[in-house]
PDB file of N, CA and C in Angstrom:
ATOM      1  N   UNK A   1       0.157  -6.310 -11.132  1.00  0.00           N
ATOM      2  CA  UNK A   1      -1.071  -5.608 -10.865  1.00  0.00           C
ATOM      3  C   UNK A   1      -1.074  -4.326 -11.665  1.00  0.00           C
ATOM      4  N   UNK A   2      -1.033  -4.437 -12.909  1.00  0.00           N
ATOM      5  CA  UNK A   2      -1.012  -3.240 -13.751  1.00  0.00           C
ATOM      6  C   UNK A   2      -2.381  -2.600 -13.802  1.00  0.00           C
ATOM      7  N   UNK A   3      -2.400  -1.365 -14.255  1.00  0.00           N
ATOM      8  CA  UNK A   3      -3.662  -0.648 -14.401  1.00  0.00           C
ATOM      9  C   UNK A   3      -4.587  -1.396 -15.350  1.00  0.00           C
ATOM     10  N   UNK A   4      -4.020  -2.015 -16.386  1.00  0.00           N
ATOM     11  CA  UNK A   4      -4.851  -2.743 -17.340  1.00  0.00           C
ATOM     12  C   UNK A   4      -5.568  -3.915 -16.678  1.00  0.00           C
ATOM     13  N   UNK A   5      -4.863  -4.645 -15.821  1.00  0.00           N
ATOM     14  CA  UNK A   5      -5.508  -5.750 -15.133  1.00  0.00           C
ATOM     15  C   UNK A   5      -6.601  -5.243 -14.214  1.00  0.00           C
ATOM     16  N   UNK A   6      -6.384  -4.120 -13.571  1.00  0.00           N
ATOM     17  CA  UNK A   6      -7.396  -3.570 -12.684  1.00  0.00           C
ATOM     18  C   UNK A   6      -8.630  -3.188 -13.476  1.00  0.00           C
ATOM     19  N   UNK A   7      -8.443  -2.530 -14.604  1.00  0.00           N
ATOM     20  CA  UNK A   7      -9.590  -2.148 -15.424  1.00  0.00           C
ATOM     21  C   UNK A   7     -10.353  -3.386 -15.894  1.00  0.00           C
ATOM     22  N   UNK A   8      -9.610  -4.410 -16.280  1.00  0.00           N
ATOM     23  CA  UNK A   8     -10.232  -5.639 -16.738  1.00  0.00           C
ATOM     24  C   UNK A   8     -11.089  -6.249 -15.625  1.00  0.00           C
ATOM     25  N   UNK A   9     -10.627  -6.100 -14.373  1.00  0.00           N
ATOM     26  CA  UNK A   9     -11.372  -6.631 -13.239  1.00  0.00           C
ATOM     27  C   UNK A   9     -12.642  -5.834 -12.987  1.00  0.00           C
ATOM     28  N   UNK A  10     -12.693  -4.593 -13.467  1.00  0.00           N
ATOM     29  CA  UNK A  10     -13.904  -3.801 -13.383  1.00  0.00           C
ATOM     30  C   UNK A  10     -14.356  -3.449 -11.987  1.00  0.00           C
ATOM     31  N   UNK A  11     -13.428  -3.227 -11.073  1.00  0.00           N
ATOM     32  CA  UNK A  11     -13.815  -2.974  -9.699  1.00  0.00           C
ATOM     33  C   UNK A  11     -14.570  -1.669  -9.511  1.00  0.00           C
ATOM     34  N   UNK A  12     -14.194  -0.612 -10.193  1.00  0.00           N
ATOM     35  CA  UNK A  12     -14.802   0.659  -9.814  1.00  0.00           C
ATOM     36  C   UNK A  12     -16.081   0.978 -10.565  1.00  0.00           C
ATOM     37  N   UNK A  13     -16.202   0.641 -11.800  1.00  0.00           N
ATOM     38  CA  UNK A  13     -17.410   0.922 -12.550  1.00  0.00           C
ATOM     39  C   UNK A  13     -17.865   2.364 -12.452  1.00  0.00           C
ATOM     40  N   UNK A  14     -16.924   3.292 -12.190  1.00  0.00           N
ATOM     41  CA  UNK A  14     -17.255   4.693 -12.093  1.00  0.00           C
ATOM     42  C   UNK A  14     -17.659   5.143 -10.705  1.00  0.00           C
ATOM     43  N   UNK A  15     -17.745   4.225  -9.758  1.00  0.00           N
ATOM     44  CA  UNK A  15     -18.139   4.564  -8.397  1.00  0.00           C
ATOM     45  C   UNK A  15     -16.984   4.331  -7.434  1.00  0.00           C
ATOM     46  N   UNK A  16     -16.917   5.141  -6.386  1.00  0.00           N
ATOM     47  CA  UNK A  16     -15.889   4.968  -5.371  1.00  0.00           C
ATOM     48  C   UNK A  16     -16.185   3.716  -4.559  1.00  0.00           C
ATOM     49  N   UNK A  17     -15.127   3.045  -4.152  1.00  0.00           N
ATOM     50  CA  UNK A  17     -15.236   1.847  -3.332  1.00  0.00           C
ATOM     51  C   UNK A  17     -14.593   2.153  -1.992  1.00  0.00           C
ATOM     52  N   UNK A  18     -15.298   1.903  -0.908  1.00  0.00           N
ATOM     53  CA  UNK A  18     -14.722   2.122   0.414  1.00  0.00           C
ATOM     54  C   UNK A  18     -14.148   0.798   0.897  1.00  0.00           C
ATOM     55  N   UNK A  19     -12.893   0.830   1.345  1.00  0.00           N
ATOM     56  CA  UNK A  19     -12.218  -0.405   1.748  1.00  0.00           C
ATOM     57  C   UNK A  19     -12.971  -1.166   2.816  1.00  0.00           C
ATOM     58  N   UNK A  20     -13.623  -0.463   3.725  1.00  0.00           N
ATOM     59  CA  UNK A  20     -14.337  -1.160   4.798  1.00  0.00           C
ATOM     60  C   UNK A  20     -15.503  -1.984   4.266  1.00  0.00           C
ATOM     61  N   UNK A  21     -15.939  -1.713   3.042  1.00  0.00           N
ATOM     62  CA  UNK A  21     -17.045  -2.461   2.438  1.00  0.00           C
ATOM     63  C   UNK A  21     -16.590  -3.701   1.681  1.00  0.00           C
ATOM     64  N   UNK A  22     -15.278  -3.876   1.508  1.00  0.00           N
ATOM     65  CA  UNK A  22     -14.775  -5.007   0.728  1.00  0.00           C
ATOM     66  C   UNK A  22     -14.368  -6.164   1.618  1.00  0.00           C
ATOM     67  N   UNK A  23     -14.795  -7.342   1.249  1.00  0.00           N
ATOM     68  CA  UNK A  23     -14.388  -8.582   1.909  1.00  0.00           C
ATOM     69  C   UNK A  23     -13.734  -9.453   0.850  1.00  0.00           C
ATOM     70  N   UNK A  24     -12.507  -9.911   1.135  1.00  0.00           N
ATOM     71  CA  UNK A  24     -11.799 -10.791   0.201  1.00  0.00           C
ATOM     72  C   UNK A  24     -12.304 -12.212   0.425  1.00  0.00           C
ATOM     73  N   UNK A  25     -12.713 -12.872  -0.670  1.00  0.00           N
ATOM     74  CA  UNK A  25     -13.260 -14.218  -0.609  1.00  0.00           C
ATOM     75  C   UNK A  25     -12.405 -15.124  -1.481  1.00  0.00           C
ATOM     76  N   UNK A  26     -11.898 -16.197  -0.919  1.00  0.00           N
ATOM     77  CA  UNK A  26     -11.095 -17.184  -1.651  1.00  0.00           C
ATOM     78  C   UNK A  26      -9.886 -16.568  -2.354  1.00  0.00           C
ATOM     79  N   UNK A  27      -9.428 -15.419  -1.908  1.00  0.00           N
ATOM     80  CA  UNK A  27      -8.224 -14.805  -2.456  1.00  0.00           C
ATOM     81  C   UNK A  27      -8.347 -14.212  -3.847  1.00  0.00           C
ATOM     82  N   UNK A  28      -9.424 -14.490  -4.554  1.00  0.00           N
ATOM     83  CA  UNK A  28      -9.540 -13.990  -5.930  1.00  0.00           C
ATOM     84  C   UNK A  28     -10.833 -13.218  -6.176  1.00  0.00           C
ATOM     85  N   UNK A  29     -11.634 -13.049  -5.138  1.00  0.00           N
ATOM     86  CA  UNK A  29     -12.875 -12.298  -5.262  1.00  0.00           C
ATOM     87  C   UNK A  29     -12.954 -11.263  -4.154  1.00  0.00           C
ATOM     88  N   UNK A  30     -13.499 -10.114  -4.497  1.00  0.00           N
ATOM     89  CA  UNK A  30     -13.787  -9.094  -3.494  1.00  0.00           C
ATOM     90  C   UNK A  30     -15.301  -8.909  -3.494  1.00  0.00           C
ATOM     91  N   UNK A  31     -15.885  -8.991  -2.309  1.00  0.00           N
ATOM     92  CA  UNK A  31     -17.327  -8.804  -2.163  1.00  0.00           C
ATOM     93  C   UNK A  31     -17.563  -7.431  -1.563  1.00  0.00           C
ATOM     94  N   UNK A  32     -18.340  -6.601  -2.256  1.00  0.00           N
ATOM     95  CA  UNK A  32     -18.699  -5.277  -1.769  1.00  0.00           C
ATOM     96  C   UNK A  32     -19.999  -5.428  -0.992  1.00  0.00           C
ATOM     97  N   UNK A  33     -19.917  -5.317   0.345  1.00  0.00           N
ATOM     98  CA  UNK A  33     -21.091  -5.544   1.187  1.00  0.00           C
ATOM     99  C   UNK A  33     -22.168  -4.489   0.971  1.00  0.00           C
ATOM    100  N   UNK A  34     -21.804  -3.313   0.482  1.00  0.00           N
ATOM    101  CA  UNK A  34     -22.800  -2.262   0.220  1.00  0.00           C
ATOM    102  C   UNK A  34     -23.617  -2.559  -1.032  1.00  0.00           C
ATOM    103  N   UNK A  35     -22.921  -2.870  -2.112  1.00  0.00           N
ATOM    104  CA  UNK A  35     -23.619  -3.084  -3.385  1.00  0.00           C
ATOM    105  C   UNK A  35     -24.077  -4.526  -3.563  1.00  0.00           C
ATOM    106  N   UNK A  36     -23.475  -5.444  -2.794  1.00  0.00           N
ATOM    107  CA  UNK A  36     -23.797  -6.858  -2.956  1.00  0.00           C
ATOM    108  C   UNK A  36     -23.143  -7.489  -4.165  1.00  0.00           C
ATOM    109  N   UNK A  37     -22.164  -6.790  -4.744  1.00  0.00           N
ATOM    110  CA  UNK A  37     -21.502  -7.280  -5.956  1.00  0.00           C
ATOM    111  C   UNK A  37     -20.179  -7.964  -5.628  1.00  0.00           C
ATOM    112  N   UNK A  38     -19.867  -8.994  -6.402  1.00  0.00           N
ATOM    113  CA  UNK A  38     -18.562  -9.642  -6.353  1.00  0.00           C
ATOM    114  C   UNK A  38     -17.716  -9.099  -7.489  1.00  0.00           C
ATOM    115  N   UNK A  39     -16.420  -8.961  -7.243  1.00  0.00           N
ATOM    116  CA  UNK A  39     -15.477  -8.498  -8.258  1.00  0.00           C
ATOM    117  C   UNK A  39     -14.306  -9.473  -8.296  1.00  0.00           C
ATOM    118  N   UNK A  40     -13.953  -9.921  -9.484  1.00  0.00           N
ATOM    119  CA  UNK A  40     -12.785 -10.779  -9.638  1.00  0.00           C
ATOM    120  C   UNK A  40     -11.541  -9.904  -9.531  1.00  0.00           C
ATOM    121  N   UNK A  41     -10.595 -10.310  -8.679  1.00  0.00           N
ATOM    122  CA  UNK A  41      -9.372  -9.530  -8.476  1.00  0.00           C
ATOM    123  C   UNK A  41      -8.156 -10.441  -8.554  1.00  0.00           C
ATOM    124  N   UNK A  42      -7.008  -9.827  -8.795  1.00  0.00           N
ATOM    125  CA  UNK A  42      -5.756 -10.581  -8.848  1.00  0.00           C
ATOM    126  C   UNK A  42      -5.231 -10.811  -7.425  1.00  0.00           C
ATOM    127  N   UNK A  43      -4.277 -11.704  -7.321  1.00  0.00           N
ATOM    128  CA  UNK A  43      -3.639 -11.974  -6.031  1.00  0.00           C
ATOM    129  C   UNK A  43      -2.993 -10.714  -5.476  1.00  0.00           C
ATOM    130  N   UNK A  44      -2.351  -9.946  -6.346  1.00  0.00           N
ATOM    131  CA  UNK A  44      -1.684  -8.732  -5.874  1.00  0.00           C
ATOM    132  C   UNK A  44      -2.694  -7.676  -5.425  1.00  0.00           C
ATOM    133  N   UNK A  45      -3.840  -7.594  -6.095  1.00  0.00           N
ATOM    134  CA  UNK A  45      -4.887  -6.666  -5.670  1.00  0.00           C
ATOM    135  C   UNK A  45      -5.427  -7.070  -4.302  1.00  0.00           C
ATOM    136  N   UNK A  46      -5.628  -8.359  -4.097  1.00  0.00           N
ATOM    137  CA  UNK A  46      -6.103  -8.853  -2.803  1.00  0.00           C
ATOM    138  C   UNK A  46      -5.097  -8.527  -1.708  1.00  0.00           C
ATOM    139  N   UNK A  47      -3.815  -8.657  -2.022  1.00  0.00           N
ATOM    140  CA  UNK A  47      -2.758  -8.340  -1.065  1.00  0.00           C
ATOM    141  C   UNK A  47      -2.834  -6.874  -0.652  1.00  0.00           C
ATOM    142  N   UNK A  48      -2.932  -5.981  -1.623  1.00  0.00           N
ATOM    143  CA  UNK A  48      -2.984  -4.536  -1.342  1.00  0.00           C
ATOM    144  C   UNK A  48      -4.233  -4.199  -0.536  1.00  0.00           C
ATOM    145  N   UNK A  49      -5.374  -4.712  -0.928  1.00  0.00           N
ATOM    146  CA  UNK A  49      -6.617  -4.436  -0.212  1.00  0.00           C
ATOM    147  C   UNK A  49      -6.518  -4.917   1.229  1.00  0.00           C
ATOM    148  N   UNK A  50      -6.012  -6.131   1.416  1.00  0.00           N
ATOM    149  CA  UNK A  50      -5.876  -6.673   2.769  1.00  0.00           C
ATOM    150  C   UNK A  50      -4.962  -5.822   3.636  1.00  0.00           C
ATOM    151  N   UNK A  51      -3.847  -5.395   3.061  1.00  0.00           N
ATOM    152  CA  UNK A  51      -2.899  -4.567   3.826  1.00  0.00           C
ATOM    153  C   UNK A  51      -3.505  -3.209   4.171  1.00  0.00           C
ATOM    154  N   UNK A  52      -4.220  -2.614   3.248  1.00  0.00           N
ATOM    155  CA  UNK A  52      -4.849  -1.320   3.516  1.00  0.00           C
ATOM    156  C   UNK A  52      -5.947  -1.449   4.573  1.00  0.00           C
ATOM    157  N   UNK A  53      -6.684  -2.547   4.540  1.00  0.00           N
ATOM    158  CA  UNK A  53      -7.719  -2.764   5.551  1.00  0.00           C
ATOM    159  C   UNK A  53      -7.101  -2.930   6.936  1.00  0.00           C
ATOM    160  N   UNK A  54      -5.875  -3.450   6.989  1.00  0.00           N
ATOM    161  CA  UNK A  54      -5.151  -3.579   8.258  1.00  0.00           C
ATOM    162  C   UNK A  54      -4.508  -2.266   8.684  1.00  0.00           C
ATOM    163  N   UNK A  55      -4.704  -1.248   7.860  1.00  0.00           N
ATOM    164  CA  UNK A  55      -4.156   0.090   8.087  1.00  0.00           C
ATOM    165  C   UNK A  55      -2.625   0.088   8.099  1.00  0.00           C
ATOM    166  N   UNK A  56      -2.056  -0.743   7.245  1.00  0.00           N
ATOM    167  CA  UNK A  56      -0.605  -0.770   7.061  1.00  0.00           C
ATOM    168  C   UNK A  56      -0.182   0.571   6.488  1.00  0.00           C
ATOM    169  N   UNK A  57       0.809   1.224   7.088  1.00  0.00           N
ATOM    170  CA  UNK A  57       1.286   2.497   6.526  1.00  0.00           C
ATOM    171  C   UNK A  57       1.741   2.307   5.080  1.00  0.00           C
ATOM    172  N   UNK A  58       1.541   3.347   4.273  1.00  0.00           N
ATOM    173  CA  UNK A  58       1.827   3.254   2.841  1.00  0.00           C
ATOM    174  C   UNK A  58       3.274   2.837   2.568  1.00  0.00           C
ATOM    175  N   UNK A  59       4.219   3.393   3.301  1.00  0.00           N
ATOM    176  CA  UNK A  59       5.629   3.024   3.120  1.00  0.00           C
ATOM    177  C   UNK A  59       5.887   1.555   3.405  1.00  0.00           C
ATOM    178  N   UNK A  60       5.268   1.042   4.452  1.00  0.00           N
ATOM    179  CA  UNK A  60       5.424  -0.377   4.796  1.00  0.00           C
ATOM    180  C   UNK A  60       4.751  -1.259   3.746  1.00  0.00           C
ATOM    181  N   UNK A  61       3.635  -0.797   3.200  1.00  0.00           N
ATOM    182  CA  UNK A  61       2.949  -1.537   2.138  1.00  0.00           C
ATOM    183  C   UNK A  61       3.840  -1.639   0.900  1.00  0.00           C
ATOM    184  N   UNK A  62       4.470  -0.544   0.537  1.00  0.00           N
ATOM    185  CA  UNK A  62       5.377  -0.544  -0.619  1.00  0.00           C
ATOM    186  C   UNK A  62       6.509  -1.538  -0.392  1.00  0.00           C
ATOM    187  N   UNK A  63       7.090  -1.515   0.800  1.00  0.00           N
ATOM    188  CA  UNK A  63       8.199  -2.421   1.120  1.00  0.00           C
ATOM    189  C   UNK A  63       7.759  -3.873   1.047  1.00  0.00           C
ATOM    190  N   UNK A  64       6.642  -4.209   1.697  1.00  0.00           N
ATOM    191  CA  UNK A  64       6.206  -5.608   1.710  1.00  0.00           C
ATOM    192  C   UNK A  64       5.771  -6.078   0.320  1.00  0.00           C
ATOM    193  N   UNK A  65       5.142  -5.187  -0.447  1.00  0.00           N
ATOM    194  CA  UNK A  65       4.725  -5.531  -1.809  1.00  0.00           C
ATOM    195  C   UNK A  65       5.946  -5.777  -2.700  1.00  0.00           C
ATOM    196  N   UNK A  66       6.927  -4.888  -2.592  1.00  0.00           N
ATOM    197  CA  UNK A  66       8.119  -5.047  -3.442  1.00  0.00           C
ATOM    198  C   UNK A  66       8.882  -6.321  -3.087  1.00  0.00           C
ATOM    199  N   UNK A  67       8.921  -6.676  -1.807  1.00  0.00           N
ATOM    200  CA  UNK A  67       9.591  -7.911  -1.400  1.00  0.00           C
ATOM    201  C   UNK A  67       8.805  -9.139  -1.845  1.00  0.00           C
ATOM    202  N   UNK A  68       7.502  -9.098  -1.650  1.00  0.00           N
ATOM    203  CA  UNK A  68       6.666 -10.248  -2.012  1.00  0.00           C
ATOM    204  C   UNK A  68       6.728 -10.559  -3.501  1.00  0.00           C
ATOM    205  N   UNK A  69       6.708  -9.514  -4.343  1.00  0.00           N
ATOM    206  CA  UNK A  69       6.679  -9.724  -5.790  1.00  0.00           C
ATOM    207  C   UNK A  69       8.038  -9.501  -6.451  1.00  0.00           C
ATOM    208  N   UNK A  70       9.070  -9.327  -5.618  1.00  0.00           N
ATOM    209  CA  UNK A  70      10.457  -9.205  -6.085  1.00  0.00           C
ATOM    210  C   UNK A  70      10.614  -8.144  -7.167  1.00  0.00           C
ATOM    211  N   UNK A  71      10.133  -6.941  -6.838  1.00  0.00           N
ATOM    212  CA  UNK A  71      10.270  -5.793  -7.724  1.00  0.00           C
ATOM    213  C   UNK A  71      10.838  -4.633  -6.918  1.00  0.00           C
ATOM    214  N   UNK A  72      11.295  -3.605  -7.593  1.00  0.00           N
ATOM    215  CA  UNK A  72      11.868  -2.461  -6.892  1.00  0.00           C
ATOM    216  C   UNK A  72      10.771  -1.691  -6.152  1.00  0.00           C
ATOM    217  N   UNK A  73      11.126  -1.007  -5.071  1.00  0.00           N
ATOM    218  CA  UNK A  73      10.141  -0.185  -4.363  1.00  0.00           C
ATOM    219  C   UNK A  73       9.487   0.872  -5.259  1.00  0.00           C
ATOM    220  N   UNK A  74      10.245   1.426  -6.205  1.00  0.00           N
ATOM    221  CA  UNK A  74       9.678   2.438  -7.110  1.00  0.00           C
ATOM    222  C   UNK A  74       8.571   1.845  -7.975  1.00  0.00           C
ATOM    223  N   UNK A  75       8.794   0.653  -8.482  1.00  0.00           N
ATOM    224  CA  UNK A  75       7.771  -0.010  -9.300  1.00  0.00           C
ATOM    225  C   UNK A  75       6.583  -0.406  -8.427  1.00  0.00           C
ATOM    226  N   UNK A  76       6.856  -0.885  -7.216  1.00  0.00           N
ATOM    227  CA  UNK A  76       5.776  -1.250  -6.295  1.00  0.00           C
ATOM    228  C   UNK A  76       4.903  -0.039  -5.991  1.00  0.00           C
ATOM    229  N   UNK A  77       5.523   1.090  -5.721  1.00  0.00           N
ATOM    230  CA  UNK A  77       4.766   2.306  -5.419  1.00  0.00           C
ATOM    231  C   UNK A  77       3.906   2.724  -6.606  1.00  0.00           C
ATOM    232  N   UNK A  78       4.481   2.682  -7.787  1.00  0.00           N
ATOM    233  CA  UNK A  78       3.727   3.038  -8.997  1.00  0.00           C
ATOM    234  C   UNK A  78       2.543   2.106  -9.196  1.00  0.00           C
ATOM    235  N   UNK A  79       2.772   0.802  -9.065  1.00  0.00           N
ATOM    236  CA  UNK A  79       1.699  -0.172  -9.256  1.00  0.00           C
ATOM    237  C   UNK A  79       0.563   0.038  -8.254  1.00  0.00           C
ATOM    238  N   UNK A  80       0.921   0.260  -6.994  1.00  0.00           N
ATOM    239  CA  UNK A  80      -0.091   0.454  -5.956  1.00  0.00           C
ATOM    240  C   UNK A  80      -0.873   1.733  -6.209  1.00  0.00           C
ATOM    241  N   UNK A  81      -0.175   2.810  -6.556  1.00  0.00           N
ATOM    242  CA  UNK A  81      -0.862   4.071  -6.835  1.00  0.00           C
ATOM    243  C   UNK A  81      -1.792   3.954  -8.039  1.00  0.00           C
ATOM    244  N   UNK A  82      -1.349   3.283  -9.092  1.00  0.00           N
ATOM    245  CA  UNK A  82      -2.208   3.066 -10.263  1.00  0.00           C
ATOM    246  C   UNK A  82      -3.438   2.246  -9.896  1.00  0.00           C
ATOM    247  N   UNK A  83      -3.222   1.215  -9.100  1.00  0.00           N
ATOM    248  CA  UNK A  83      -4.327   0.368  -8.666  1.00  0.00           C
ATOM    249  C   UNK A  83      -5.351   1.182  -7.871  1.00  0.00           C
ATOM    250  N   UNK A  84      -4.882   1.966  -6.915  1.00  0.00           N
ATOM    251  CA  UNK A  84      -5.791   2.782  -6.110  1.00  0.00           C
ATOM    252  C   UNK A  84      -6.510   3.828  -6.938  1.00  0.00           C
ATOM    253  N   UNK A  85      -5.815   4.431  -7.880  1.00  0.00           N
ATOM    254  CA  UNK A  85      -6.456   5.413  -8.753  1.00  0.00           C
ATOM    255  C   UNK A  85      -7.533   4.772  -9.616  1.00  0.00           C
ATOM    256  N   UNK A  86      -7.245   3.599 -10.169  1.00  0.00           N
ATOM    257  CA  UNK A  86      -8.222   2.905 -10.994  1.00  0.00           C
ATOM    258  C   UNK A  86      -9.422   2.454 -10.186  1.00  0.00           C
ATOM    259  N   UNK A  87      -9.192   2.114  -8.945  1.00  0.00           N
ATOM    260  CA  UNK A  87     -10.259   1.635  -8.082  1.00  0.00           C
ATOM    261  C   UNK A  87     -11.118   2.773  -7.555  1.00  0.00           C
ATOM    262  N   UNK A  88     -10.591   3.983  -7.580  1.00  0.00           N
ATOM    263  CA  UNK A  88     -11.245   5.122  -6.968  1.00  0.00           C
ATOM    264  C   UNK A  88     -11.549   4.852  -5.499  1.00  0.00           C
ATOM    265  N   UNK A  89     -10.537   4.335  -4.809  1.00  0.00           N
ATOM    266  CA  UNK A  89     -10.702   3.950  -3.408  1.00  0.00           C
ATOM    267  C   UNK A  89     -10.892   5.174  -2.528  1.00  0.00           C
ATOM    268  N   UNK A  90     -11.846   5.086  -1.651  1.00  0.00           N
ATOM    269  CA  UNK A  90     -12.036   6.086  -0.608  1.00  0.00           C
ATOM    270  C   UNK A  90     -11.372   5.519   0.620  1.00  0.00           C
ATOM    271  N   UNK A  91     -10.258   6.167   1.066  1.00  0.00           N
ATOM    272  CA  UNK A  91      -9.535   5.630   2.223  1.00  0.00           C
ATOM    273  C   UNK A  91      -9.968   6.283   3.492  1.00  0.00           C
TER     274      UNK A  91
END
């Protein structure tokens, strides 16, 4: 879930996205109920969005992400932070 993949997915388009407005559809699409737009997302992006919507604490999210994708917690934290920054998520 690199920053480049997030940009390619075009989720933010310069506007903030509120997590409560996103619905994950078929694991690869996010539907923004406010704008009515669909966004193509990666599996890892869907995982992060789902966990944040469940209000998973950030530390627990890093742990579960690093275990799921078999990467170090430091890399998981960096990837998640880059993803959130690119998305301009309003938490």
